[in-house]
C-alpha atoms as a PDB file:
ATOM      1  CA  MET A   1     114.503  87.247  98.195  1.00  0.00           C
ATOM      2  CA  SER A   2     111.532  89.245  96.951  1.00  0.00           C
ATOM      3  CA  PRO A   3     112.021  92.864  95.877  1.00  0.00           C
ATOM      4  CA  MET A   4     111.156  95.547  98.392  1.00  0.00           C
ATOM      5  CA  LYS A   5     108.212  97.768  97.541  1.00  0.00           C
ATOM      6  CA  ILE A   6     108.955 101.476  97.805  1.00  0.00           C
ATOM      7  CA  GLU A   7     106.253 104.138  97.727  1.00  0.00           C
ATOM      8  CA  ILE A   8     106.903 107.845  97.343  1.00  0.00           C
ATOM      9  CA  SER A   9     104.209 109.757  99.177  1.00  0.00           C
ATOM     10  CA  ARG A  10     104.365 113.545  99.264  1.00  0.00           C
ATOM     11  CA  PRO A  11     102.026 115.525 101.491  1.00  0.00           C
ATOM     12  CA  ARG A  12      98.723 116.425  99.834  1.00  0.00           C
ATOM     13  CA  VAL A  13      98.451 119.682 101.765  1.00  0.00           C
ATOM     14  CA  ILE A  14     100.901 121.926 103.586  1.00  0.00           C
ATOM     15  CA  LYS A  15      98.937 123.915 106.165  1.00  0.00           C
ATOM     16  CA  ILE A  16     100.756 127.044 107.378  1.00  0.00           C
ATOM     17  CA  LEU A  17      99.029 128.520 110.417  1.00  0.00           C
ATOM     18  CA  GLY A  18     101.151 131.671 110.651  1.00  0.00           C
ATOM     19  CA  LEU A  19     103.134 133.373 107.865  1.00  0.00           C
ATOM     20  CA  ASP A  20     105.194 136.485 108.599  1.00  0.00           C
ATOM     21  CA  SER A  21     107.899 138.552 106.937  1.00  0.00           C
ATOM     22  CA  ARG A  22     110.718 139.477 109.328  1.00  0.00           C
ATOM     23  CA  GLY A  23     113.992 141.304 109.197  1.00  0.00           C
ATOM     24  CA  LYS A  24     116.912 138.914 108.738  1.00  0.00           C
ATOM     25  CA  ASP A  25     118.495 139.688 112.111  1.00  0.00           C
ATOM     26  CA  ASP A  26     115.174 139.266 113.938  1.00  0.00           C
ATOM     27  CA  LEU A  27     114.490 135.976 112.151  1.00  0.00           C
ATOM     28  CA  VAL A  28     117.938 134.576 112.971  1.00  0.00           C
ATOM     29  CA  TRP A  29     117.742 135.641 116.631  1.00  0.00           C
ATOM     30  CA  CYS A  30     114.215 134.244 116.984  1.00  0.00           C
ATOM     31  CA  SER A  31     115.265 130.911 115.501  1.00  0.00           C
ATOM     32  CA  LEU A  32     118.121 130.652 117.978  1.00  0.00           C
ATOM     33  CA  SER A  33     115.865 131.649 120.885  1.00  0.00           C
ATOM     34  CA  MET A  34     113.236 129.077 119.870  1.00  0.00           C
ATOM     35  CA  GLU A  35     115.938 126.387 119.530  1.00  0.00           C
ATOM     36  CA  VAL A  36     115.303 125.859 115.820  1.00  0.00           C
ATOM     37  CA  SER A  37     118.267 123.774 114.654  1.00  0.00           C
ATOM     38  CA  LYS A  38     118.528 125.138 111.098  1.00  0.00           C
ATOM     39  CA  LEU A  39     117.173 127.647 108.609  1.00  0.00           C
ATOM     40  CA  PHE A  40     116.312 127.078 104.962  1.00  0.00           C
ATOM     41  CA  TRP A  41     117.277 129.084 101.866  1.00  0.00           C
ATOM     42  CA  ILE A  42     115.494 129.110  98.526  1.00  0.00           C
ATOM     43  CA  ASP A  43     115.293 131.688  95.739  1.00  0.00           C
ATOM     44  CA  GLY A  44     116.500 134.609  97.841  1.00  0.00           C
ATOM     45  CA  LEU A  45     114.428 133.739 100.902  1.00  0.00           C
ATOM     46  CA  LEU A  46     115.640 132.718 104.340  1.00  0.00           C
ATOM     47  CA  ILE A  47     112.966 130.575 106.001  1.00  0.00           C
ATOM     48  CA  CYS A  48     112.420 129.520 109.593  1.00  0.00           C
ATOM     49  CA  MET A  49     109.718 126.942 110.269  1.00  0.00           C
ATOM     50  CA  GLU A  50     108.244 125.822 113.550  1.00  0.00           C
ATOM     51  CA  VAL A  51     106.722 122.381 113.074  1.00  0.00           C
ATOM     52  CA  PRO A  52     104.790 120.774 115.932  1.00  0.00           C
ATOM     53  CA  GLU A  53     105.779 117.177 116.658  1.00  0.00           C
ATOM     54  CA  LYS A  54     102.176 116.083 116.069  1.00  0.00           C
ATOM     55  CA  SER A  55     102.545 117.287 112.472  1.00  0.00           C
ATOM     56  CA  PHE A  56     104.334 114.073 111.566  1.00  0.00           C
ATOM     57  CA  ASP A  57     101.373 112.021 112.825  1.00  0.00           C
ATOM     58  CA  TYR A  58      98.980 113.967 110.598  1.00  0.00           C
ATOM     59  CA  GLU A  59     101.309 113.715 107.621  1.00  0.00           C
ATOM     60  CA  TYR A  60     101.368 109.940 107.779  1.00  0.00           C
ATOM     61  CA  GLU A  61      97.656 109.574 108.503  1.00  0.00           C
ATOM     62  CA  ASP A  62      96.091 112.303 106.354  1.00  0.00           C
ATOM     63  CA  GLY A  63      98.796 113.572 104.010  1.00  0.00           C
ATOM     64  CA  ILE A  64      98.599 116.988 105.716  1.00  0.00           C
ATOM     65  CA  TYR A  65     101.828 118.618 106.877  1.00  0.00           C
ATOM     66  CA  VAL A  66     101.224 121.328 109.491  1.00  0.00           C
ATOM     67  CA  VAL A  67     103.611 124.237 110.028  1.00  0.00           C
ATOM     68  CA  SER A  68     102.567 126.245 113.076  1.00  0.00           C
ATOM     69  CA  GLN A  69     104.690 129.296 112.192  1.00  0.00           C
ATOM     70  CA  LEU A  70     106.736 130.180 109.123  1.00  0.00           C
ATOM     71  CA  CYS A  71     108.822 133.343 109.076  1.00  0.00           C
ATOM     72  CA  TYR A  72     110.880 134.527 106.142  1.00  0.00           C
ATOM     73  CA  ALA A  73     113.319 137.276 105.244  1.00  0.00           C
ATOM     74  CA  GLU A  74     114.934 138.446 102.033  1.00  0.00           C
ATOM     75  CA  TYR A  75     118.354 136.801 101.798  1.00  0.00           C
ATOM     76  CA  PRO A  76     119.667 137.188  98.245  1.00  0.00           C
ATOM     77  CA  LYS A  77     122.867 135.131  98.475  1.00  0.00           C
ATOM     78  CA  TYR A  78     123.100 131.638  99.965  1.00  0.00           C
ATOM     79  CA  ASN A  79     125.560 131.086 102.826  1.00  0.00           C
ATOM     80  CA  ARG A  80     126.002 127.848 104.745  1.00  0.00           C
ATOM     81  CA  PHE A  81     125.914 129.640 108.096  1.00  0.00           C
ATOM     82  CA  GLU A  82     124.584 132.876 109.528  1.00  0.00           C
ATOM     83  CA  ASP A  83     126.423 134.501 112.436  1.00  0.00           C
ATOM     84  CA  VAL A  84     124.226 135.189 115.431  1.00  0.00           C
ATOM     85  CA  GLY A  85     126.992 136.822 117.453  1.00  0.00           C
ATOM     86  CA  ARG A  86     129.477 135.798 120.132  1.00  0.00           C
ATOM     87  CA  GLY A  87     130.788 133.022 117.896  1.00  0.00           C
ATOM     88  CA  ILE A  88     127.393 131.360 117.481  1.00  0.00           C
ATOM     89  CA  GLN A  89     126.334 130.292 114.005  1.00  0.00           C
ATOM     90  CA  ILE A  90     123.122 128.729 112.743  1.00  0.00           C
ATOM     91  CA  PRO A  91     123.307 126.422 109.703  1.00  0.00           C
ATOM     92  CA  ILE A  92     121.357 127.229 106.550  1.00  0.00           C
ATOM     93  CA  VAL A  93     120.239 124.431 104.240  1.00  0.00           C
ATOM     94  CA  ASN A  94     119.949 125.150 100.508  1.00  0.00           C
ATOM     95  CA  VAL A  95     116.607 123.547  99.594  1.00  0.00           C
ATOM     96  CA  LYS A  96     116.438 124.726  95.966  1.00  0.00           C
ATOM     97  CA  GLY A  97     115.009 121.943  93.834  1.00  0.00           C
ATOM     98  CA  MET A  98     112.997 120.366  96.652  1.00  0.00           C
ATOM     99  CA  ARG A  99     109.334 120.381  95.605  1.00  0.00           C
ATOM    100  CA  VAL A 100     107.844 121.130  99.010  1.00  0.00           C
ATOM    101  CA  PHE A 101     110.087 124.159  99.506  1.00  0.00           C
ATOM    102  CA  GLU A 102     109.609 125.310  95.890  1.00  0.00           C
ATOM    103  CA  SER A 103     105.849 125.343  96.589  1.00  0.00           C
ATOM    104  CA  ILE A 104     106.318 127.212  99.869  1.00  0.00           C
ATOM    105  CA  ALA A 105     108.545 129.857  98.207  1.00  0.00           C
ATOM    106  CA  LYS A 106     106.002 130.315  95.408  1.00  0.00           C
ATOM    107  CA  THR A 107     103.215 130.762  97.973  1.00  0.00           C
ATOM    108  CA  ILE A 108     105.277 133.344  99.893  1.00  0.00           C
ATOM    109  CA  ARG A 109     105.949 135.372  96.726  1.00  0.00           C
ATOM    110  CA  GLU A 110     102.285 135.201  95.659  1.00  0.00           C
ATOM    111  CA  ASN A 111     101.195 136.303  99.141  1.00  0.00           C
ATOM    112  CA  GLU A 112     103.624 139.260  99.011  1.00  0.00           C
ATOM    113  CA  LYS A 113     102.198 140.356  95.633  1.00  0.00           C
ATOM    114  CA  ARG A 114      98.643 140.083  96.952  1.00  0.00           C
ATOM    115  CA  LEU A 115      99.453 142.109 100.082  1.00  0.00           C
ATOM    116  CA  LYS A 116     101.224 144.761  98.011  1.00  0.00           C
ATOM    117  CA  ALA A 117      98.251 145.008  95.620  1.00  0.00           C
ATOM    118  CA  GLU A 118      95.842 145.344  98.558  1.00  0.00           C
ATOM    119  CA  GLY A 119      97.982 148.117 100.028  1.00  0.00           C
ATOM    120  CA  GLU A 120      97.965 150.213  96.837  1.00  0.00           C
END
């Protein structure tokens, strides 16, 4: 039996079409309303991403991963779940150490600094 060839292929580009800061409660409610199955936590940020199904086609063909909307909120301490109310909870995945999310978090922080500098 010949050995199986395995290739690791990360996206070349992550294209975020919309990036917005939200309040935590608004972000959690929106994610539930939009039927997002989970949120992500990294470095004090709670992240909700809306990824179009076609994004996976582009990722495999072009190496471009498209996120149609990314919202984030300050969320200093990681919790596995966030209560939405009436006994409903949404899971939160700790993605610290994952390169794609590390890059996204860095971009968010850099964008915040740029916006703050422009506002001064």
